[in-house]
Amino acid sequence: MNCRITATPPPGYRPCVGIMLLDAKGRVFVGQRADVPFPAWQMPQGGIDPGESPRAAAQRELLEEVGTDKVELLAESRVWRSYDLPPELRKRVWQGRYRGQTQRWFAFRFLGDDRDIDVRRPNGEFTAWRWIPPEELLRTIVPFKRDVYASVVEEFRHLWA
């Protein structure tokens, strides 16, 4: 299993946030990563800047990656979830400083309409986006993040069930 759950961020992992953005129908936002040559869909995520709280990082990442701040906070995860990058990626990403990422997850309700989403931003993370049922997340995500997503879906299931 590639998901380590802890109360505090473990050493050796890049501190990040993950964002489950839900629309009014309970569907989840996923974006197609811009930096890989194959289909790689994921929920928004990103690093926590020095001195930044995880919640502030999540709101900043939503604006940077999704292009909107028309959201309301529904839930914040009680735990940190860490995953290891595959060895071939570990050498390329972050100059090998981290084994992987540790993430604090947030669930937000999207309050706008689809025209308020803009992933085509300078230095954007995504080239395309779509809403999918939460049950599709595990079939959509790259395998090395699947255990983390399964854990997030389980924790936040009450928000759409």
N, C-alpha and C. Protein backbone atom coordinates (compact mmCIF):
# COMPACT_ATOMS: atom_id res chain seq x y z
N MET A 1 0.86 -1.19 0.00
CA MET A 1 0.00 0.00 0.00
C MET A 1 0.89 1.24 0.00
N ASN A 2 0.60 2.17 -0.88
CA ASN A 2 1.40 3.39 -1.00
C ASN A 2 0.65 4.57 -0.40
N CYS A 3 0.28 4.44 0.89
CA CYS A 3 -0.37 5.53 1.60
C CYS A 3 -0.06 5.36 3.09
N ARG A 4 0.73 6.26 3.58
CA ARG A 4 1.10 6.26 4.99
C ARG A 4 0.31 7.38 5.66
N ILE A 5 -0.44 7.05 6.71
CA ILE A 5 -1.28 8.04 7.40
C ILE A 5 -0.65 8.37 8.74
N THR A 6 -0.46 9.68 8.97
CA THR A 6 0.18 10.15 10.20
C THR A 6 -0.55 11.39 10.72
N ALA A 7 -0.31 11.71 11.99
CA ALA A 7 -0.91 12.90 12.59
C ALA A 7 -0.14 14.16 12.23
N THR A 8 1.15 14.02 11.92
CA THR A 8 1.98 15.17 11.55
C THR A 8 2.76 14.80 10.29
N PRO A 9 3.22 15.80 9.54
CA PRO A 9 3.97 15.49 8.31
C PRO A 9 5.28 14.76 8.64
N PRO A 10 5.52 13.62 8.02
CA PRO A 10 6.76 12.89 8.29
C PRO A 10 7.94 13.53 7.55
N PRO A 11 9.14 13.36 8.07
CA PRO A 11 10.33 13.89 7.38
C PRO A 11 10.57 13.14 6.08
N GLY A 12 11.22 13.83 5.13
CA GLY A 12 11.57 13.20 3.87
C GLY A 12 10.51 13.31 2.79
N TYR A 13 9.36 13.93 3.12
CA TYR A 13 8.27 14.10 2.17
C TYR A 13 7.98 15.59 1.97
N ARG A 14 7.65 15.96 0.76
CA ARG A 14 7.32 17.35 0.44
C ARG A 14 5.93 17.68 1.01
N PRO A 15 5.82 18.69 1.88
CA PRO A 15 4.52 19.06 2.45
C PRO A 15 3.62 19.70 1.38
N CYS A 16 2.41 19.16 1.25
CA CYS A 16 1.48 19.59 0.21
C CYS A 16 0.05 19.57 0.72
N VAL A 17 -0.82 20.09 -0.13
CA VAL A 17 -2.25 19.95 0.10
C VAL A 17 -2.86 19.24 -1.10
N GLY A 18 -3.98 18.60 -0.87
CA GLY A 18 -4.77 18.01 -1.93
C GLY A 18 -6.18 18.56 -1.81
N ILE A 19 -6.86 18.71 -2.93
CA ILE A 19 -8.16 19.36 -2.94
C ILE A 19 -9.18 18.50 -3.67
N MET A 20 -10.24 18.15 -2.96
CA MET A 20 -11.40 17.50 -3.57
C MET A 20 -12.44 18.60 -3.77
N LEU A 21 -12.62 19.01 -5.01
CA LEU A 21 -13.59 20.05 -5.35
C LEU A 21 -14.84 19.38 -5.88
N LEU A 22 -15.96 19.58 -5.19
CA LEU A 22 -17.22 18.95 -5.53
C LEU A 22 -18.19 19.97 -6.12
N ASP A 23 -18.89 19.57 -7.17
CA ASP A 23 -19.92 20.45 -7.72
C ASP A 23 -21.24 20.18 -6.99
N ALA A 24 -22.28 20.88 -7.40
CA ALA A 24 -23.59 20.75 -6.73
C ALA A 24 -24.18 19.36 -6.86
N LYS A 25 -23.74 18.58 -7.87
CA LYS A 25 -24.24 17.22 -8.07
C LYS A 25 -23.38 16.17 -7.35
N GLY A 26 -22.36 16.61 -6.62
CA GLY A 26 -21.49 15.67 -5.92
C GLY A 26 -20.41 15.07 -6.78
N ARG A 27 -20.19 15.63 -7.98
CA ARG A 27 -19.12 15.15 -8.85
C ARG A 27 -17.81 15.85 -8.46
N VAL A 28 -16.71 15.22 -8.81
CA VAL A 28 -15.38 15.68 -8.42
C VAL A 28 -14.65 16.26 -9.62
N PHE A 29 -13.99 17.39 -9.40
CA PHE A 29 -13.16 18.02 -10.43
C PHE A 29 -11.86 17.22 -10.58
N VAL A 30 -11.50 16.90 -11.81
CA VAL A 30 -10.18 16.33 -12.12
C VAL A 30 -9.61 17.09 -13.31
N GLY A 31 -8.29 17.23 -13.32
CA GLY A 31 -7.60 17.89 -14.41
C GLY A 31 -6.58 16.95 -15.04
N GLN A 32 -6.37 17.14 -16.33
CA GLN A 32 -5.36 16.39 -17.08
C GLN A 32 -4.03 17.10 -16.91
N ARG A 33 -3.05 16.42 -16.33
CA ARG A 33 -1.74 17.03 -16.08
C ARG A 33 -1.09 17.49 -17.39
N ALA A 34 -0.49 18.66 -17.31
CA ALA A 34 0.15 19.25 -18.49
C ALA A 34 1.58 18.76 -18.70
N ASP A 35 2.19 18.18 -17.68
CA ASP A 35 3.62 17.88 -17.75
C ASP A 35 3.97 16.43 -18.04
N VAL A 36 2.98 15.65 -18.49
CA VAL A 36 3.27 14.25 -18.82
C VAL A 36 2.72 13.93 -20.22
N PRO A 37 3.37 13.03 -20.94
CA PRO A 37 2.96 12.73 -22.32
C PRO A 37 1.83 11.71 -22.43
N PHE A 38 1.28 11.25 -21.32
CA PHE A 38 0.22 10.25 -21.33
C PHE A 38 -0.96 10.77 -20.51
N PRO A 39 -2.14 10.18 -20.64
CA PRO A 39 -3.28 10.65 -19.86
C PRO A 39 -3.03 10.46 -18.36
N ALA A 40 -3.05 11.55 -17.63
CA ALA A 40 -2.83 11.52 -16.18
C ALA A 40 -3.78 12.54 -15.55
N TRP A 41 -4.91 12.06 -15.07
CA TRP A 41 -5.92 12.91 -14.46
C TRP A 41 -5.72 12.87 -12.95
N GLN A 42 -5.96 14.01 -12.31
CA GLN A 42 -5.84 14.06 -10.85
C GLN A 42 -6.65 15.22 -10.30
N MET A 43 -6.86 15.20 -8.98
CA MET A 43 -7.45 16.34 -8.31
C MET A 43 -6.35 17.38 -8.10
N PRO A 44 -6.71 18.63 -7.91
CA PRO A 44 -5.69 19.66 -7.67
C PRO A 44 -4.87 19.36 -6.42
N GLN A 45 -3.61 19.70 -6.48
CA GLN A 45 -2.72 19.54 -5.33
C GLN A 45 -1.55 20.49 -5.51
N GLY A 46 -0.82 20.73 -4.43
CA GLY A 46 0.34 21.60 -4.56
C GLY A 46 1.05 21.79 -3.24
N GLY A 47 2.25 22.33 -3.33
CA GLY A 47 3.09 22.52 -2.16
C GLY A 47 2.61 23.61 -1.24
N ILE A 48 3.00 23.47 0.01
CA ILE A 48 2.74 24.49 1.03
C ILE A 48 3.97 25.37 1.12
N ASP A 49 3.80 26.66 0.89
CA ASP A 49 4.91 27.60 0.95
C ASP A 49 5.36 27.81 2.40
N PRO A 50 6.63 28.16 2.63
CA PRO A 50 7.09 28.44 4.00
C PRO A 50 6.21 29.52 4.66
N GLY A 51 5.78 29.23 5.88
CA GLY A 51 4.95 30.16 6.64
C GLY A 51 3.48 30.15 6.27
N GLU A 52 3.09 29.33 5.31
CA GLU A 52 1.71 29.27 4.84
C GLU A 52 0.98 28.14 5.56
N SER A 53 -0.26 28.37 5.94
CA SER A 53 -1.05 27.30 6.56
C SER A 53 -1.55 26.36 5.45
N PRO A 54 -1.84 25.11 5.80
CA PRO A 54 -2.39 24.21 4.79
C PRO A 54 -3.68 24.74 4.15
N ARG A 55 -4.57 25.31 4.93
CA ARG A 55 -5.82 25.84 4.35
C ARG A 55 -5.54 26.97 3.36
N ALA A 56 -4.64 27.88 3.73
CA ALA A 56 -4.29 28.97 2.81
C ALA A 56 -3.66 28.41 1.53
N ALA A 57 -2.84 27.38 1.67
CA ALA A 57 -2.22 26.75 0.50
C ALA A 57 -3.29 26.14 -0.41
N ALA A 58 -4.29 25.49 0.19
CA ALA A 58 -5.36 24.87 -0.59
C ALA A 58 -6.13 25.94 -1.37
N GLN A 59 -6.44 27.05 -0.74
CA GLN A 59 -7.18 28.11 -1.42
C GLN A 59 -6.33 28.75 -2.53
N ARG A 60 -5.04 28.91 -2.27
CA ARG A 60 -4.14 29.45 -3.29
C ARG A 60 -4.04 28.49 -4.48
N GLU A 61 -3.88 27.21 -4.20
CA GLU A 61 -3.77 26.22 -5.27
C GLU A 61 -5.05 26.16 -6.11
N LEU A 62 -6.20 26.29 -5.49
CA LEU A 62 -7.45 26.32 -6.26
C LEU A 62 -7.44 27.46 -7.26
N LEU A 63 -7.01 28.62 -6.82
CA LEU A 63 -6.97 29.78 -7.71
C LEU A 63 -5.93 29.59 -8.81
N GLU A 64 -4.74 29.06 -8.43
CA GLU A 64 -3.67 28.87 -9.41
C GLU A 64 -3.98 27.76 -10.42
N GLU A 65 -4.52 26.64 -9.96
CA GLU A 65 -4.69 25.48 -10.83
C GLU A 65 -6.07 25.40 -11.49
N VAL A 66 -7.09 25.86 -10.79
CA VAL A 66 -8.45 25.74 -11.30
C VAL A 66 -8.96 27.09 -11.80
N GLY A 67 -8.35 28.16 -11.32
CA GLY A 67 -8.72 29.49 -11.77
C GLY A 67 -9.94 30.08 -11.09
N THR A 68 -10.29 29.55 -9.92
CA THR A 68 -11.46 30.05 -9.22
C THR A 68 -11.24 30.07 -7.71
N ASP A 69 -11.95 30.99 -7.07
CA ASP A 69 -12.02 30.99 -5.61
C ASP A 69 -13.48 30.97 -5.16
N LYS A 70 -14.35 30.59 -6.07
CA LYS A 70 -15.79 30.51 -5.78
C LYS A 70 -16.09 29.17 -5.13
N VAL A 71 -15.68 29.04 -3.87
CA VAL A 71 -15.80 27.79 -3.15
C VAL A 71 -16.17 28.05 -1.70
N GLU A 72 -16.67 26.99 -1.06
CA GLU A 72 -16.83 27.02 0.39
C GLU A 72 -16.18 25.76 0.95
N LEU A 73 -15.52 25.90 2.08
CA LEU A 73 -14.87 24.76 2.72
C LEU A 73 -15.92 23.83 3.32
N LEU A 74 -15.82 22.56 2.98
CA LEU A 74 -16.72 21.55 3.53
C LEU A 74 -16.05 20.74 4.63
N ALA A 75 -14.77 20.40 4.43
CA ALA A 75 -14.08 19.54 5.40
C ALA A 75 -12.58 19.65 5.22
N GLU A 76 -11.88 19.44 6.32
CA GLU A 76 -10.42 19.33 6.31
C GLU A 76 -10.07 17.97 6.88
N SER A 77 -9.18 17.27 6.22
CA SER A 77 -8.77 15.95 6.68
C SER A 77 -8.18 16.03 8.09
N ARG A 78 -8.38 14.98 8.82
CA ARG A 78 -7.83 14.90 10.18
C ARG A 78 -6.38 14.42 10.18
N VAL A 79 -5.90 13.93 9.03
CA VAL A 79 -4.58 13.30 8.99
C VAL A 79 -3.77 13.80 7.80
N TRP A 80 -2.49 13.43 7.79
CA TRP A 80 -1.60 13.64 6.64
C TRP A 80 -1.48 12.30 5.93
N ARG A 81 -1.53 12.35 4.62
CA ARG A 81 -1.38 11.15 3.80
C ARG A 81 -0.11 11.30 2.97
N SER A 82 0.78 10.32 3.08
CA SER A 82 2.04 10.37 2.35
C SER A 82 2.11 9.23 1.34
N TYR A 83 2.73 9.53 0.21
CA TYR A 83 2.96 8.49 -0.79
C TYR A 83 4.36 8.66 -1.36
N ASP A 84 4.93 7.54 -1.77
CA ASP A 84 6.26 7.54 -2.39
C ASP A 84 6.12 7.69 -3.89
N LEU A 85 7.00 8.48 -4.46
CA LEU A 85 7.07 8.55 -5.92
C LEU A 85 7.75 7.30 -6.45
N PRO A 86 7.40 6.85 -7.65
CA PRO A 86 8.15 5.75 -8.25
C PRO A 86 9.63 6.15 -8.38
N PRO A 87 10.56 5.20 -8.23
CA PRO A 87 12.00 5.53 -8.26
C PRO A 87 12.44 6.35 -9.47
N GLU A 88 11.86 6.06 -10.65
CA GLU A 88 12.27 6.81 -11.85
C GLU A 88 11.83 8.27 -11.79
N LEU A 89 10.74 8.57 -11.10
CA LEU A 89 10.30 9.96 -10.93
C LEU A 89 11.04 10.65 -9.81
N ARG A 90 11.38 9.91 -8.77
CA ARG A 90 12.03 10.48 -7.60
C ARG A 90 13.33 11.18 -7.97
N LYS A 91 14.05 10.64 -8.93
CA LYS A 91 15.33 11.24 -9.35
C LYS A 91 15.11 12.54 -10.11
N ARG A 92 14.00 12.64 -10.85
CA ARG A 92 13.72 13.81 -11.69
C ARG A 92 13.04 14.95 -10.95
N VAL A 93 12.11 14.60 -10.07
CA VAL A 93 11.26 15.59 -9.42
C VAL A 93 11.93 16.12 -8.16
N TRP A 94 11.94 17.42 -8.01
CA TRP A 94 12.50 18.09 -6.84
C TRP A 94 13.96 17.70 -6.58
N GLN A 95 14.68 17.40 -7.66
CA GLN A 95 16.09 17.05 -7.61
C GLN A 95 16.38 15.94 -6.58
N GLY A 96 15.42 15.05 -6.38
CA GLY A 96 15.61 13.91 -5.49
C GLY A 96 15.61 14.23 -4.01
N ARG A 97 15.20 15.45 -3.64
CA ARG A 97 15.21 15.83 -2.21
C ARG A 97 14.17 15.10 -1.38
N TYR A 98 13.09 14.62 -2.03
CA TYR A 98 11.98 14.01 -1.30
C TYR A 98 11.69 12.61 -1.82
N ARG A 99 11.24 11.74 -0.91
CA ARG A 99 10.78 10.39 -1.29
C ARG A 99 9.45 10.46 -2.02
N GLY A 100 8.67 11.47 -1.66
CA GLY A 100 7.33 11.64 -2.21
C GLY A 100 6.68 12.85 -1.60
N GLN A 101 5.37 12.80 -1.46
CA GLN A 101 4.64 13.93 -0.91
C GLN A 101 3.82 13.50 0.29
N THR A 102 3.64 14.43 1.22
CA THR A 102 2.71 14.24 2.31
C THR A 102 1.66 15.34 2.17
N GLN A 103 0.40 14.95 2.24
CA GLN A 103 -0.68 15.87 1.90
C GLN A 103 -1.72 15.98 2.99
N ARG A 104 -2.16 17.21 3.22
CA ARG A 104 -3.35 17.48 4.02
C ARG A 104 -4.46 17.76 3.02
N TRP A 105 -5.55 17.01 3.08
CA TRP A 105 -6.62 17.11 2.10
C TRP A 105 -7.78 17.97 2.59
N PHE A 106 -8.37 18.71 1.64
CA PHE A 106 -9.50 19.58 1.89
C PHE A 106 -10.60 19.27 0.88
N ALA A 107 -11.85 19.36 1.34
CA ALA A 107 -12.99 19.24 0.44
C ALA A 107 -13.67 20.60 0.38
N PHE A 108 -13.92 21.06 -0.85
CA PHE A 108 -14.61 22.32 -1.08
C PHE A 108 -15.82 22.07 -1.98
N ARG A 109 -16.85 22.86 -1.78
CA ARG A 109 -17.99 22.89 -2.70
C ARG A 109 -17.77 24.04 -3.66
N PHE A 110 -17.90 23.75 -4.96
CA PHE A 110 -17.76 24.77 -5.99
C PHE A 110 -19.08 25.55 -6.05
N LEU A 111 -19.01 26.87 -5.92
CA LEU A 111 -20.20 27.71 -5.88
C LEU A 111 -20.48 28.43 -7.19
N GLY A 112 -19.56 28.34 -8.12
CA GLY A 112 -19.74 29.03 -9.40
C GLY A 112 -20.38 28.14 -10.43
N ASP A 113 -20.23 28.53 -11.69
CA ASP A 113 -20.64 27.64 -12.78
C ASP A 113 -19.39 27.34 -13.61
N ASP A 114 -19.53 26.44 -14.55
CA ASP A 114 -18.36 25.95 -15.29
C ASP A 114 -17.57 27.06 -15.97
N ARG A 115 -18.21 28.16 -16.31
CA ARG A 115 -17.49 29.28 -16.93
C ARG A 115 -16.49 29.93 -15.97
N ASP A 116 -16.65 29.67 -14.67
CA ASP A 116 -15.74 30.24 -13.67
C ASP A 116 -14.46 29.42 -13.52
N ILE A 117 -14.35 28.32 -14.22
CA ILE A 117 -13.16 27.47 -14.16
C ILE A 117 -12.27 27.80 -15.35
N ASP A 118 -11.00 28.01 -15.07
CA ASP A 118 -10.04 28.37 -16.13
C ASP A 118 -8.71 27.67 -15.85
N VAL A 119 -8.51 26.51 -16.46
CA VAL A 119 -7.26 25.78 -16.26
C VAL A 119 -6.17 26.21 -17.23
N ARG A 120 -6.52 26.95 -18.25
CA ARG A 120 -5.54 27.41 -19.25
C ARG A 120 -4.89 28.70 -18.77
N ARG A 121 -4.03 28.56 -17.79
CA ARG A 121 -3.38 29.70 -17.15
C ARG A 121 -1.88 29.63 -17.41
N PRO A 122 -1.19 30.76 -17.31
CA PRO A 122 0.27 30.71 -17.46
C PRO A 122 0.87 29.71 -16.46
N ASN A 123 1.74 28.86 -16.94
CA ASN A 123 2.37 27.83 -16.10
C ASN A 123 1.34 26.92 -15.46
N GLY A 124 0.22 26.70 -16.12
CA GLY A 124 -0.85 25.89 -15.56
C GLY A 124 -0.47 24.43 -15.41
N GLU A 125 -1.10 23.79 -14.46
CA GLU A 125 -0.87 22.38 -14.18
C GLU A 125 -1.67 21.47 -15.10
N PHE A 126 -2.81 21.98 -15.61
CA PHE A 126 -3.74 21.15 -16.36
C PHE A 126 -3.96 21.68 -17.78
N THR A 127 -4.21 20.75 -18.70
CA THR A 127 -4.55 21.13 -20.08
C THR A 127 -6.04 20.98 -20.35
N ALA A 128 -6.74 20.22 -19.52
CA ALA A 128 -8.17 19.98 -19.67
C ALA A 128 -8.73 19.63 -18.30
N TRP A 129 -10.04 19.65 -18.18
CA TRP A 129 -10.67 19.29 -16.91
C TRP A 129 -12.06 18.71 -17.19
N ARG A 130 -12.60 18.06 -16.15
CA ARG A 130 -13.96 17.52 -16.23
C ARG A 130 -14.46 17.19 -14.84
N TRP A 131 -15.75 17.00 -14.71
CA TRP A 131 -16.38 16.53 -13.48
C TRP A 131 -16.63 15.03 -13.63
N ILE A 132 -16.29 14.26 -12.60
CA ILE A 132 -16.54 12.82 -12.64
C ILE A 132 -17.18 12.38 -11.33
N PRO A 133 -17.94 11.28 -11.36
CA PRO A 133 -18.46 10.73 -10.10
C PRO A 133 -17.29 10.27 -9.22
N PRO A 134 -17.40 10.44 -7.91
CA PRO A 134 -16.30 10.03 -7.02
C PRO A 134 -15.87 8.57 -7.23
N GLU A 135 -16.80 7.71 -7.62
CA GLU A 135 -16.47 6.30 -7.83
C GLU A 135 -15.47 6.10 -8.97
N GLU A 136 -15.37 7.05 -9.87
CA GLU A 136 -14.44 6.93 -11.00
C GLU A 136 -13.02 7.36 -10.66
N LEU A 137 -12.84 8.02 -9.54
CA LEU A 137 -11.50 8.53 -9.20
C LEU A 137 -10.43 7.45 -9.21
N LEU A 138 -10.74 6.31 -8.64
CA LEU A 138 -9.72 5.27 -8.51
C LEU A 138 -9.35 4.64 -9.85
N ARG A 139 -10.24 4.72 -10.83
CA ARG A 139 -9.92 4.23 -12.17
C ARG A 139 -9.18 5.28 -12.99
N THR A 140 -9.26 6.53 -12.56
CA THR A 140 -8.73 7.65 -13.32
C THR A 140 -7.31 8.02 -12.93
N ILE A 141 -6.97 7.85 -11.68
CA ILE A 141 -5.69 8.34 -11.13
C ILE A 141 -4.53 7.41 -11.46
N VAL A 142 -3.33 7.98 -11.52
CA VAL A 142 -2.14 7.16 -11.74
C VAL A 142 -1.98 6.17 -10.59
N PRO A 143 -1.48 4.98 -10.86
CA PRO A 143 -1.45 3.93 -9.83
C PRO A 143 -0.73 4.30 -8.53
N PHE A 144 0.35 5.07 -8.60
CA PHE A 144 1.09 5.32 -7.36
C PHE A 144 0.36 6.28 -6.40
N LYS A 145 -0.73 6.92 -6.85
CA LYS A 145 -1.53 7.78 -5.98
C LYS A 145 -2.86 7.13 -5.60
N ARG A 146 -3.14 5.96 -6.12
CA ARG A 146 -4.45 5.33 -5.95
C ARG A 146 -4.80 5.07 -4.49
N ASP A 147 -3.87 4.62 -3.69
CA ASP A 147 -4.16 4.33 -2.28
C ASP A 147 -4.51 5.61 -1.51
N VAL A 148 -3.83 6.69 -1.82
CA VAL A 148 -4.15 7.98 -1.19
C VAL A 148 -5.57 8.39 -1.57
N TYR A 149 -5.91 8.30 -2.85
CA TYR A 149 -7.24 8.69 -3.30
C TYR A 149 -8.31 7.82 -2.65
N ALA A 150 -8.06 6.53 -2.52
CA ALA A 150 -9.04 5.65 -1.87
C ALA A 150 -9.29 6.09 -0.43
N SER A 151 -8.24 6.47 0.25
CA SER A 151 -8.37 6.93 1.63
C SER A 151 -9.12 8.25 1.72
N VAL A 152 -8.85 9.16 0.80
CA VAL A 152 -9.54 10.46 0.77
C VAL A 152 -11.03 10.25 0.46
N VAL A 153 -11.33 9.42 -0.52
CA VAL A 153 -12.73 9.14 -0.87
C VAL A 153 -13.46 8.57 0.35
N GLU A 154 -12.83 7.67 1.06
CA GLU A 154 -13.47 7.08 2.24
C GLU A 154 -13.73 8.14 3.31
N GLU A 155 -12.75 9.00 3.57
CA GLU A 155 -12.93 10.02 4.62
C GLU A 155 -14.01 11.04 4.25
N PHE A 156 -14.09 11.43 2.99
CA PHE A 156 -15.02 12.49 2.58
C PHE A 156 -16.33 11.96 1.99
N ARG A 157 -16.52 10.65 2.00
CA ARG A 157 -17.71 10.03 1.37
C ARG A 157 -19.03 10.65 1.87
N HIS A 158 -19.09 11.02 3.11
CA HIS A 158 -20.32 11.59 3.68
C HIS A 158 -20.74 12.90 3.01
N LEU A 159 -19.84 13.52 2.26
CA LEU A 159 -20.15 14.80 1.65
C LEU A 159 -21.00 14.68 0.39
N TRP A 160 -21.08 13.48 -0.20
CA TRP A 160 -21.91 13.28 -1.39
C TRP A 160 -22.82 12.08 -1.27
N ALA A 161 -22.60 11.21 -0.31
CA ALA A 161 -23.39 9.98 -0.20
C ALA A 161 -24.80 10.26 0.31
